N, C-alpha and C. Protein backbone atom coordinates (compact mmCIF):
# COMPACT_ATOMS: atom_id res chain seq x y z
N MET A 1 -2.36 6.37 -9.93
CA MET A 1 -2.47 6.39 -8.47
C MET A 1 -2.58 4.90 -7.96
N PRO A 2 -1.66 4.44 -7.07
CA PRO A 2 -1.80 3.10 -6.59
C PRO A 2 -3.15 2.83 -5.85
N GLU A 3 -3.85 1.84 -6.38
CA GLU A 3 -5.10 1.36 -5.74
C GLU A 3 -4.94 -0.01 -5.34
N LEU A 4 -6.02 -0.67 -4.95
CA LEU A 4 -5.89 -1.99 -4.36
C LEU A 4 -5.19 -3.00 -5.23
N PRO A 5 -5.41 -3.08 -6.48
CA PRO A 5 -4.59 -4.07 -7.34
C PRO A 5 -3.08 -3.72 -7.38
N ASP A 6 -2.77 -2.41 -7.34
CA ASP A 6 -1.34 -1.99 -7.30
C ASP A 6 -0.77 -2.45 -6.03
N VAL A 7 -1.38 -2.16 -4.90
CA VAL A 7 -0.82 -2.47 -3.53
C VAL A 7 -0.83 -3.98 -3.39
N GLU A 8 -1.71 -4.68 -4.02
CA GLU A 8 -1.58 -6.20 -3.90
C GLU A 8 -0.35 -6.65 -4.72
N GLY A 9 -0.07 -5.99 -5.81
CA GLY A 9 1.22 -6.27 -6.53
C GLY A 9 2.43 -5.91 -5.76
N PHE A 10 2.36 -4.80 -4.97
CA PHE A 10 3.47 -4.47 -4.06
C PHE A 10 3.67 -5.54 -3.01
N ARG A 11 2.50 -6.01 -2.48
CA ARG A 11 2.63 -7.15 -1.43
C ARG A 11 3.27 -8.31 -2.05
N GLU A 12 2.99 -8.62 -3.35
CA GLU A 12 3.66 -9.76 -3.99
C GLU A 12 5.13 -9.47 -4.16
N VAL A 13 5.56 -8.30 -4.45
CA VAL A 13 6.94 -7.90 -4.53
C VAL A 13 7.61 -8.16 -3.24
N LEU A 14 7.00 -7.63 -2.12
CA LEU A 14 7.53 -7.77 -0.84
C LEU A 14 7.68 -9.31 -0.46
N MET A 15 6.61 -10.07 -0.77
CA MET A 15 6.68 -11.49 -0.44
C MET A 15 7.78 -12.26 -1.23
N THR A 16 7.95 -11.88 -2.49
CA THR A 16 8.96 -12.56 -3.31
C THR A 16 10.34 -12.15 -2.95
N CYS A 17 10.41 -10.83 -2.72
CA CYS A 17 11.83 -10.24 -2.51
C CYS A 17 12.22 -10.37 -0.98
N GLY A 18 11.20 -10.25 -0.09
CA GLY A 18 11.68 -9.99 1.28
C GLY A 18 11.19 -10.92 2.36
N ARG A 19 10.16 -11.73 2.11
CA ARG A 19 9.60 -12.55 3.20
C ARG A 19 10.65 -13.43 3.73
N GLN A 20 10.70 -13.46 5.10
CA GLN A 20 11.66 -14.26 5.85
C GLN A 20 13.11 -13.88 5.65
N ARG A 21 13.35 -12.75 5.05
CA ARG A 21 14.67 -12.30 4.84
C ARG A 21 15.06 -11.27 5.96
N CYS A 22 16.27 -11.27 6.30
CA CYS A 22 16.78 -10.40 7.41
C CYS A 22 17.15 -9.10 6.80
N VAL A 23 16.76 -8.02 7.49
CA VAL A 23 17.20 -6.62 7.10
C VAL A 23 18.54 -6.36 7.60
N THR A 24 19.54 -6.19 6.74
CA THR A 24 20.96 -5.99 7.18
C THR A 24 21.31 -4.52 7.11
N ASP A 25 20.52 -3.66 6.46
CA ASP A 25 20.79 -2.24 6.48
C ASP A 25 19.50 -1.44 6.07
N VAL A 26 19.47 -0.25 6.57
CA VAL A 26 18.33 0.61 6.20
C VAL A 26 18.83 1.93 5.80
N GLU A 27 18.64 2.43 4.66
CA GLU A 27 19.06 3.71 4.17
C GLU A 27 17.87 4.63 3.90
N VAL A 28 17.83 5.75 4.60
CA VAL A 28 16.68 6.61 4.36
C VAL A 28 17.30 7.87 3.58
N TRP A 29 16.91 7.94 2.33
CA TRP A 29 17.49 8.99 1.45
C TRP A 29 16.60 10.17 1.47
N ASP A 30 15.45 10.11 1.98
CA ASP A 30 14.57 11.35 2.11
C ASP A 30 13.65 11.10 3.31
N THR A 31 13.80 11.76 4.37
CA THR A 31 13.00 11.67 5.58
C THR A 31 11.59 12.26 5.38
N GLY A 32 11.35 12.88 4.23
CA GLY A 32 10.04 13.39 3.89
C GLY A 32 8.94 12.36 3.79
N VAL A 33 9.33 11.06 3.59
CA VAL A 33 8.31 9.97 3.49
C VAL A 33 8.07 9.29 4.86
N LEU A 34 8.85 9.72 5.84
CA LEU A 34 8.69 8.91 7.18
C LEU A 34 7.58 9.71 7.94
N ARG A 35 6.65 8.87 8.49
CA ARG A 35 5.47 9.38 9.16
C ARG A 35 5.57 8.87 10.62
N GLY A 36 5.82 9.78 11.53
CA GLY A 36 5.83 9.37 12.95
C GLY A 36 6.94 8.49 13.39
N VAL A 37 8.00 8.45 12.63
CA VAL A 37 9.20 7.70 12.99
C VAL A 37 10.43 8.38 12.39
N SER A 38 11.47 8.39 13.13
CA SER A 38 12.72 8.98 12.70
C SER A 38 13.57 7.94 11.82
N ALA A 39 14.41 8.43 11.11
CA ALA A 39 15.27 7.55 10.33
C ALA A 39 16.12 6.63 11.30
N GLN A 40 16.59 7.19 12.43
CA GLN A 40 17.37 6.41 13.42
C GLN A 40 16.53 5.30 13.97
N ARG A 41 15.27 5.63 14.39
CA ARG A 41 14.40 4.57 14.98
C ARG A 41 14.07 3.52 13.97
N LEU A 42 13.76 3.90 12.66
CA LEU A 42 13.47 2.92 11.63
C LEU A 42 14.67 1.96 11.51
N ARG A 43 15.83 2.53 11.43
CA ARG A 43 17.04 1.68 11.30
C ARG A 43 17.22 0.77 12.48
N ARG A 44 17.05 1.33 13.73
CA ARG A 44 17.19 0.51 14.94
C ARG A 44 16.18 -0.63 15.02
N GLU A 45 14.89 -0.32 14.61
CA GLU A 45 13.85 -1.34 14.80
C GLU A 45 13.86 -2.36 13.69
N LEU A 46 14.53 -2.08 12.46
CA LEU A 46 14.42 -3.04 11.38
C LEU A 46 15.73 -3.83 11.27
N THR A 47 16.90 -3.22 11.48
CA THR A 47 18.14 -3.84 11.22
C THR A 47 18.32 -5.09 12.16
N GLY A 48 18.71 -6.25 11.49
CA GLY A 48 18.79 -7.52 12.19
C GLY A 48 17.59 -8.33 12.36
N ARG A 49 16.45 -7.81 11.91
CA ARG A 49 15.16 -8.50 12.03
C ARG A 49 14.68 -9.03 10.72
N ARG A 50 13.89 -10.13 10.82
CA ARG A 50 13.34 -10.74 9.62
C ARG A 50 11.97 -10.10 9.30
N LEU A 51 11.71 -10.02 8.06
CA LEU A 51 10.37 -9.54 7.59
C LEU A 51 9.42 -10.75 7.59
N GLY A 52 8.19 -10.54 8.05
CA GLY A 52 7.25 -11.61 8.20
C GLY A 52 6.29 -11.65 7.01
N GLU A 53 5.17 -12.33 7.13
CA GLU A 53 4.10 -12.41 6.10
C GLU A 53 3.39 -11.06 5.93
N ALA A 54 3.58 -10.44 4.76
CA ALA A 54 2.96 -9.19 4.48
C ALA A 54 1.50 -9.38 4.23
N TRP A 55 0.67 -8.38 4.61
CA TRP A 55 -0.75 -8.38 4.31
C TRP A 55 -1.23 -6.97 4.00
N ARG A 56 -2.28 -6.89 3.24
CA ARG A 56 -2.80 -5.66 2.72
C ARG A 56 -4.24 -5.42 3.12
N HIS A 57 -4.60 -4.20 3.50
CA HIS A 57 -5.97 -3.87 3.72
C HIS A 57 -6.18 -2.55 2.95
N GLY A 58 -7.09 -2.61 2.00
CA GLY A 58 -7.26 -1.45 1.12
C GLY A 58 -5.99 -1.09 0.48
N LYS A 59 -5.59 0.11 0.62
CA LYS A 59 -4.39 0.71 -0.03
C LYS A 59 -3.20 0.70 0.89
N TRP A 60 -3.30 0.00 2.08
CA TRP A 60 -2.26 -0.07 3.10
C TRP A 60 -1.55 -1.41 3.00
N LEU A 61 -0.24 -1.44 3.12
CA LEU A 61 0.57 -2.60 3.15
C LEU A 61 1.24 -2.76 4.49
N PHE A 62 1.14 -3.89 5.14
CA PHE A 62 1.64 -4.19 6.45
C PHE A 62 2.60 -5.35 6.46
N VAL A 63 3.68 -5.25 7.16
CA VAL A 63 4.62 -6.34 7.33
C VAL A 63 5.16 -6.40 8.69
N PRO A 64 4.86 -7.53 9.41
CA PRO A 64 5.49 -7.62 10.77
C PRO A 64 6.94 -7.82 10.67
N VAL A 65 7.63 -7.28 11.64
CA VAL A 65 9.07 -7.32 11.72
C VAL A 65 9.62 -8.01 12.93
N GLY A 66 10.24 -9.18 12.73
CA GLY A 66 10.82 -9.90 13.92
C GLY A 66 9.72 -10.46 14.73
N ASP A 67 10.02 -11.18 15.77
CA ASP A 67 9.12 -11.76 16.79
C ASP A 67 8.75 -10.65 17.79
N GLY A 68 7.51 -10.26 17.69
CA GLY A 68 7.04 -9.30 18.64
C GLY A 68 7.44 -7.87 18.42
N GLY A 69 8.02 -7.62 17.21
CA GLY A 69 8.51 -6.34 16.88
C GLY A 69 7.37 -5.48 16.28
N PRO A 70 7.66 -4.33 15.80
CA PRO A 70 6.77 -3.42 15.25
C PRO A 70 6.22 -4.01 13.88
N VAL A 71 5.23 -3.30 13.30
CA VAL A 71 4.77 -3.62 12.01
C VAL A 71 5.20 -2.46 11.05
N LEU A 72 5.84 -2.83 9.95
CA LEU A 72 6.22 -1.77 9.01
C LEU A 72 5.06 -1.62 8.14
N VAL A 73 4.63 -0.28 8.05
CA VAL A 73 3.44 0.05 7.39
C VAL A 73 3.79 1.02 6.21
N ARG A 74 3.25 0.70 5.03
CA ARG A 74 3.48 1.58 3.89
C ARG A 74 2.11 1.94 3.21
N HIS A 75 2.07 3.19 2.92
CA HIS A 75 0.95 3.69 2.11
C HIS A 75 1.53 4.40 0.96
N PHE A 76 1.05 4.16 -0.29
CA PHE A 76 1.78 4.63 -1.50
C PHE A 76 1.27 5.93 -2.02
N GLY A 77 0.24 6.53 -1.45
CA GLY A 77 -0.27 7.83 -1.93
C GLY A 77 -0.57 7.79 -3.41
N MET A 78 -0.16 8.81 -4.17
CA MET A 78 -0.52 8.84 -5.57
C MET A 78 0.66 8.28 -6.44
N THR A 79 1.84 8.33 -6.02
CA THR A 79 2.96 7.97 -6.89
C THR A 79 3.92 6.92 -6.25
N GLY A 80 3.61 6.37 -5.12
CA GLY A 80 4.47 5.43 -4.51
C GLY A 80 4.51 4.09 -5.15
N SER A 81 5.62 3.32 -4.89
CA SER A 81 5.73 1.92 -5.34
C SER A 81 6.84 1.29 -4.55
N LEU A 82 6.88 -0.05 -4.72
CA LEU A 82 7.84 -0.86 -3.96
C LEU A 82 8.54 -1.68 -5.07
N ARG A 83 9.88 -1.63 -4.99
CA ARG A 83 10.68 -2.35 -6.04
C ARG A 83 11.67 -3.23 -5.35
N CYS A 84 11.92 -4.33 -6.02
CA CYS A 84 12.95 -5.34 -5.62
C CYS A 84 14.05 -5.16 -6.66
N CYS A 85 15.30 -4.82 -6.15
CA CYS A 85 16.39 -4.44 -7.00
C CYS A 85 17.68 -5.16 -6.57
N ALA A 86 18.57 -5.33 -7.50
CA ALA A 86 19.89 -5.76 -7.16
C ALA A 86 20.67 -4.68 -6.49
N PRO A 87 21.57 -4.96 -5.59
CA PRO A 87 22.28 -3.86 -4.98
C PRO A 87 23.07 -2.98 -5.91
N ASP A 88 23.55 -3.50 -7.01
CA ASP A 88 24.34 -2.72 -7.94
C ASP A 88 23.51 -1.83 -8.86
N GLU A 89 22.25 -2.01 -8.83
CA GLU A 89 21.31 -1.18 -9.65
C GLU A 89 21.29 0.23 -9.12
N PRO A 90 21.57 1.20 -9.96
CA PRO A 90 21.63 2.59 -9.46
C PRO A 90 20.32 2.98 -8.86
N LEU A 91 20.39 3.90 -7.91
CA LEU A 91 19.20 4.44 -7.22
C LEU A 91 18.42 5.22 -8.27
N ALA A 92 17.15 5.13 -8.23
CA ALA A 92 16.29 6.02 -9.01
C ALA A 92 16.11 7.37 -8.33
N PRO A 93 15.82 8.39 -9.06
CA PRO A 93 15.74 9.70 -8.41
C PRO A 93 14.72 9.78 -7.24
N HIS A 94 13.70 8.90 -7.29
CA HIS A 94 12.68 9.00 -6.17
C HIS A 94 12.74 7.81 -5.18
N ASP A 95 13.88 7.04 -5.23
CA ASP A 95 14.00 6.02 -4.21
C ASP A 95 14.19 6.69 -2.82
N ARG A 96 13.33 6.50 -1.89
CA ARG A 96 13.30 7.24 -0.66
C ARG A 96 13.83 6.43 0.54
N VAL A 97 13.45 5.17 0.63
CA VAL A 97 13.89 4.32 1.62
C VAL A 97 14.35 2.99 1.07
N VAL A 98 15.54 2.55 1.38
CA VAL A 98 16.13 1.25 0.81
C VAL A 98 16.46 0.29 1.99
N LEU A 99 15.83 -0.83 1.89
CA LEU A 99 16.19 -1.89 2.88
C LEU A 99 17.08 -2.87 2.15
N THR A 100 18.26 -3.14 2.76
CA THR A 100 19.13 -4.14 2.21
C THR A 100 18.80 -5.47 2.94
N LEU A 101 18.61 -6.45 2.22
CA LEU A 101 18.13 -7.78 2.71
C LEU A 101 19.22 -8.83 2.57
N ASP A 102 19.34 -9.78 3.43
CA ASP A 102 20.27 -10.83 3.21
C ASP A 102 19.92 -11.52 1.95
N GLY A 103 20.87 -12.12 1.30
CA GLY A 103 20.57 -12.61 -0.07
C GLY A 103 20.83 -11.57 -1.13
N ALA A 104 21.52 -10.42 -0.70
CA ALA A 104 21.88 -9.38 -1.63
C ALA A 104 20.72 -8.83 -2.50
N ARG A 105 19.69 -8.39 -1.80
CA ARG A 105 18.56 -7.74 -2.46
C ARG A 105 18.30 -6.42 -1.78
N HIS A 106 17.79 -5.46 -2.59
CA HIS A 106 17.32 -4.23 -2.04
C HIS A 106 15.75 -4.18 -2.27
N LEU A 107 15.07 -3.73 -1.20
CA LEU A 107 13.67 -3.45 -1.32
C LEU A 107 13.49 -1.94 -1.19
N ARG A 108 13.12 -1.29 -2.30
CA ARG A 108 13.13 0.12 -2.34
C ARG A 108 11.72 0.70 -2.40
N TYR A 109 11.52 1.67 -1.48
CA TYR A 109 10.30 2.38 -1.44
C TYR A 109 10.54 3.63 -2.33
N ARG A 110 9.83 3.79 -3.42
CA ARG A 110 9.94 4.84 -4.43
C ARG A 110 8.72 5.69 -4.46
N ASP A 111 8.85 7.02 -4.35
CA ASP A 111 7.68 7.89 -4.28
C ASP A 111 8.06 9.28 -4.74
N GLN A 112 7.52 9.74 -5.83
CA GLN A 112 7.86 10.99 -6.36
C GLN A 112 7.29 12.17 -5.52
N ARG A 113 5.95 12.04 -5.22
CA ARG A 113 5.29 13.16 -4.60
C ARG A 113 5.24 13.18 -3.08
N LYS A 114 5.56 12.02 -2.49
CA LYS A 114 5.71 11.90 -0.98
C LYS A 114 4.46 12.34 -0.21
N LEU A 115 3.24 11.94 -0.80
CA LEU A 115 2.02 12.34 -0.04
C LEU A 115 1.72 11.38 1.09
N GLN A 116 2.17 10.18 1.05
CA GLN A 116 1.99 9.25 2.23
C GLN A 116 3.39 8.84 2.62
N GLY A 117 3.61 7.55 2.89
CA GLY A 117 4.92 7.15 3.28
C GLY A 117 4.98 5.87 4.08
N VAL A 118 6.02 5.86 4.95
CA VAL A 118 6.50 4.78 5.74
C VAL A 118 6.27 5.05 7.20
N ARG A 119 5.61 4.04 7.95
CA ARG A 119 5.46 4.16 9.38
C ARG A 119 5.94 2.89 10.07
N LEU A 120 6.04 2.95 11.34
CA LEU A 120 6.21 1.81 12.20
C LEU A 120 4.97 1.86 13.15
N ALA A 121 4.42 0.70 13.40
CA ALA A 121 3.22 0.72 14.23
C ALA A 121 3.30 -0.43 15.25
N ASP A 122 2.92 -0.10 16.45
CA ASP A 122 2.68 -1.12 17.49
C ASP A 122 1.27 -1.52 17.35
N ASP A 123 0.84 -2.45 18.23
CA ASP A 123 -0.53 -2.99 18.16
C ASP A 123 -1.61 -1.86 18.18
N ALA A 124 -1.45 -0.92 19.11
CA ALA A 124 -2.41 0.14 19.28
C ALA A 124 -2.55 1.05 18.05
N ARG A 125 -1.39 1.39 17.50
CA ARG A 125 -1.35 2.27 16.27
C ARG A 125 -1.88 1.53 15.09
N LEU A 126 -1.54 0.24 15.04
CA LEU A 126 -2.03 -0.63 13.89
C LEU A 126 -3.57 -0.71 13.96
N ALA A 127 -4.12 -0.83 15.15
CA ALA A 127 -5.53 -0.90 15.35
C ALA A 127 -6.23 0.36 14.91
N ARG A 128 -5.57 1.52 15.26
CA ARG A 128 -6.19 2.80 14.85
C ARG A 128 -6.23 3.00 13.36
N ILE A 129 -5.18 2.51 12.71
CA ILE A 129 -5.15 2.66 11.25
C ILE A 129 -6.25 1.78 10.59
N VAL A 130 -6.32 0.56 10.97
CA VAL A 130 -7.26 -0.40 10.39
C VAL A 130 -8.70 -0.08 10.80
N ASP A 131 -8.86 0.31 12.05
CA ASP A 131 -10.27 0.67 12.49
C ASP A 131 -10.83 1.85 11.82
N GLY A 132 -10.00 2.72 11.22
CA GLY A 132 -10.56 3.85 10.49
C GLY A 132 -10.95 3.45 8.97
N LEU A 133 -10.68 2.28 8.62
CA LEU A 133 -10.92 1.76 7.28
C LEU A 133 -12.18 0.88 7.23
N GLY A 134 -12.95 1.00 6.14
CA GLY A 134 -13.95 0.06 5.90
C GLY A 134 -13.48 -1.28 5.51
N PRO A 135 -14.38 -2.22 5.23
CA PRO A 135 -13.87 -3.52 4.85
C PRO A 135 -13.10 -3.49 3.57
N ASP A 136 -12.17 -4.37 3.34
CA ASP A 136 -11.35 -4.42 2.24
C ASP A 136 -12.24 -4.75 1.00
N ALA A 137 -12.10 -4.03 -0.06
CA ALA A 137 -12.97 -4.25 -1.21
C ALA A 137 -12.97 -5.63 -1.76
N LEU A 138 -11.86 -6.38 -1.63
CA LEU A 138 -11.81 -7.70 -2.11
C LEU A 138 -12.61 -8.71 -1.29
N THR A 139 -12.91 -8.32 -0.07
CA THR A 139 -13.59 -9.22 0.82
C THR A 139 -15.14 -9.04 0.89
N VAL A 140 -15.61 -7.95 0.24
CA VAL A 140 -17.03 -7.56 0.39
C VAL A 140 -17.85 -8.38 -0.58
N SER A 141 -18.90 -9.04 -0.02
CA SER A 141 -19.86 -9.74 -0.89
C SER A 141 -20.83 -8.74 -1.54
N ARG A 142 -21.60 -9.23 -2.46
CA ARG A 142 -22.54 -8.37 -3.12
C ARG A 142 -23.56 -7.79 -2.18
N ALA A 143 -24.08 -8.69 -1.17
CA ALA A 143 -25.05 -8.19 -0.19
C ALA A 143 -24.40 -7.17 0.73
N GLU A 144 -23.19 -7.39 1.22
CA GLU A 144 -22.48 -6.39 2.01
C GLU A 144 -22.33 -5.14 1.29
N PHE A 145 -21.89 -5.24 -0.04
CA PHE A 145 -21.75 -4.02 -0.85
C PHE A 145 -23.00 -3.20 -0.87
N ARG A 146 -24.14 -3.84 -1.14
CA ARG A 146 -25.40 -3.09 -1.11
C ARG A 146 -25.72 -2.45 0.29
N ASP A 147 -25.42 -3.19 1.33
CA ASP A 147 -25.63 -2.69 2.67
C ASP A 147 -24.76 -1.40 3.01
N LEU A 148 -23.49 -1.57 2.56
CA LEU A 148 -22.58 -0.44 2.77
C LEU A 148 -23.01 0.82 2.05
N LEU A 149 -23.62 0.72 0.92
CA LEU A 149 -24.03 1.90 0.16
C LEU A 149 -25.43 2.33 0.39
N SER A 150 -26.32 1.52 0.96
CA SER A 150 -27.69 1.81 1.15
C SER A 150 -27.83 3.04 2.12
N GLY A 151 -28.76 3.89 1.80
CA GLY A 151 -29.05 5.04 2.71
C GLY A 151 -28.03 6.14 2.62
N ARG A 152 -27.03 6.08 1.82
CA ARG A 152 -26.08 7.18 1.65
C ARG A 152 -26.69 8.25 0.76
N ARG A 153 -26.50 9.44 1.11
CA ARG A 153 -27.10 10.62 0.35
C ARG A 153 -26.10 11.35 -0.47
N ARG A 154 -25.02 10.64 -0.97
CA ARG A 154 -24.12 11.28 -1.84
C ARG A 154 -23.92 10.49 -3.02
N ALA A 155 -23.14 11.01 -4.00
CA ALA A 155 -22.89 10.31 -5.20
C ALA A 155 -22.21 8.91 -4.92
N VAL A 156 -22.57 7.94 -5.74
CA VAL A 156 -22.04 6.60 -5.51
C VAL A 156 -20.49 6.63 -5.60
N LYS A 157 -19.97 7.36 -6.57
CA LYS A 157 -18.45 7.39 -6.69
C LYS A 157 -17.80 7.95 -5.46
N SER A 158 -18.32 8.97 -4.97
CA SER A 158 -17.64 9.53 -3.68
C SER A 158 -17.82 8.57 -2.57
N ALA A 159 -18.89 7.82 -2.43
CA ALA A 159 -19.09 6.84 -1.33
C ALA A 159 -18.07 5.69 -1.59
N LEU A 160 -17.91 5.26 -2.80
CA LEU A 160 -16.98 4.15 -3.10
C LEU A 160 -15.54 4.55 -2.85
N MET A 161 -15.25 5.82 -3.11
CA MET A 161 -13.81 6.28 -2.82
C MET A 161 -13.49 6.60 -1.36
N ASP A 162 -14.59 6.68 -0.59
CA ASP A 162 -14.38 6.91 0.86
C ASP A 162 -13.79 5.59 1.58
N GLN A 163 -12.56 5.71 1.96
CA GLN A 163 -11.87 4.54 2.47
C GLN A 163 -12.51 4.01 3.82
N SER A 164 -13.28 4.85 4.48
CA SER A 164 -13.96 4.42 5.69
C SER A 164 -15.24 3.65 5.39
N VAL A 165 -15.65 3.66 4.12
CA VAL A 165 -16.82 2.91 3.65
C VAL A 165 -16.35 1.51 3.09
N ILE A 166 -15.49 1.63 2.08
CA ILE A 166 -14.86 0.42 1.49
C ILE A 166 -13.41 0.80 1.25
N ALA A 167 -12.51 -0.01 1.72
CA ALA A 167 -11.07 0.32 1.56
C ALA A 167 -10.51 -0.27 0.38
N GLY A 168 -9.77 0.59 -0.39
CA GLY A 168 -8.99 0.08 -1.56
C GLY A 168 -9.39 0.61 -2.93
N LEU A 169 -10.56 1.20 -2.96
CA LEU A 169 -11.00 1.73 -4.20
C LEU A 169 -10.58 3.20 -4.39
N GLY A 170 -10.24 3.50 -5.67
CA GLY A 170 -9.84 4.88 -5.97
C GLY A 170 -10.47 5.34 -7.24
N ASN A 171 -9.90 6.44 -7.79
CA ASN A 171 -10.57 7.04 -8.96
C ASN A 171 -10.63 6.13 -10.14
N LEU A 172 -9.56 5.40 -10.39
CA LEU A 172 -9.65 4.50 -11.63
C LEU A 172 -10.63 3.39 -11.42
N LEU A 173 -10.61 2.75 -10.30
CA LEU A 173 -11.51 1.60 -10.09
C LEU A 173 -13.04 2.08 -10.03
N CYS A 174 -13.24 3.36 -9.63
CA CYS A 174 -14.58 3.91 -9.54
C CYS A 174 -15.01 4.59 -10.69
N ALA A 175 -14.25 4.69 -11.78
CA ALA A 175 -14.64 5.39 -12.95
C ALA A 175 -15.92 4.76 -13.54
N THR A 176 -16.84 5.57 -13.93
CA THR A 176 -18.10 5.02 -14.42
C THR A 176 -18.00 4.77 -15.95
N ARG A 177 -18.90 3.93 -16.34
CA ARG A 177 -18.95 3.55 -17.76
C ARG A 177 -19.21 4.77 -18.63
N SER A 178 -20.05 5.68 -18.16
CA SER A 178 -20.45 6.85 -18.99
C SER A 178 -19.26 7.80 -19.14
N SER A 179 -18.29 7.77 -18.26
CA SER A 179 -17.17 8.71 -18.37
C SER A 179 -16.06 8.19 -19.35
N GLY A 180 -16.31 7.01 -19.85
CA GLY A 180 -15.21 6.57 -20.79
C GLY A 180 -14.11 5.95 -20.02
N GLY A 181 -14.26 5.69 -18.69
CA GLY A 181 -13.20 5.08 -17.90
C GLY A 181 -13.01 3.69 -18.15
N PRO A 182 -12.17 3.00 -17.28
CA PRO A 182 -11.99 1.56 -17.40
C PRO A 182 -13.32 0.82 -17.55
N GLY A 183 -13.37 -0.12 -18.47
CA GLY A 183 -14.57 -0.86 -18.65
C GLY A 183 -15.43 -0.30 -19.76
N TRP A 184 -15.13 0.88 -20.14
CA TRP A 184 -15.90 1.59 -21.25
C TRP A 184 -15.74 0.84 -22.56
N HIS A 185 -16.77 0.52 -23.17
CA HIS A 185 -16.71 -0.22 -24.40
C HIS A 185 -17.50 0.66 -25.55
N ARG A 186 -16.84 0.97 -26.59
CA ARG A 186 -17.43 1.75 -27.63
C ARG A 186 -17.74 0.83 -28.86
N GLY A 187 -18.42 -0.28 -28.50
CA GLY A 187 -18.82 -1.15 -29.67
C GLY A 187 -20.00 -0.66 -30.43
N PRO A 188 -20.41 -1.37 -31.45
CA PRO A 188 -21.53 -0.94 -32.25
C PRO A 188 -22.86 -0.87 -31.34
N ARG A 189 -23.71 0.07 -31.70
CA ARG A 189 -24.95 0.24 -30.95
C ARG A 189 -25.84 -0.90 -31.36
N ARG A 190 -26.67 -1.33 -30.38
CA ARG A 190 -27.65 -2.39 -30.71
C ARG A 190 -28.77 -1.83 -31.62
N GLY A 191 -29.17 -2.61 -32.45
CA GLY A 191 -30.21 -2.20 -33.40
C GLY A 191 -29.81 -1.42 -34.56
N THR A 192 -28.43 -1.34 -34.71
CA THR A 192 -27.96 -0.61 -35.91
C THR A 192 -27.40 -1.59 -37.00
């Protein structure tokens, strides 16, 4: 499942492949990943515009489009990813939206399960998305972290996974040491 580190990696893909590149074509191979935008509107709003400086908040990826245009918003759900491909590279079975960029590159949104997807947001919609999220997990200090979790009457893991409390953490990052999850170390016991 894509979590904060994965989405940060997708931001890097976008910045390496697409920043300041002009979108010359938009192909929507599966409208099931579009959220609140039609394929025609996505094509109209993106074609001929440059992609700006991408930024991430939690598991959400945002990229401004053109001067004063909308913001292209991506959420990767459980199986989504962003790929930079050569135009002659065959489409993968789960490539859903393909942006052709000047410089002969494809930026492909790939998602098997289609739980989230691609949106366009104006300033008001962007504010609603971000306002519903807690602070980004990478920006939270130790003191802020304690304050965010203090007084909560539920399990720590469920509080950590609540995106309105802290944005970006998921099941893998919240796995506990006792569950054998990431960070689990089965070294020799002390005193043996």
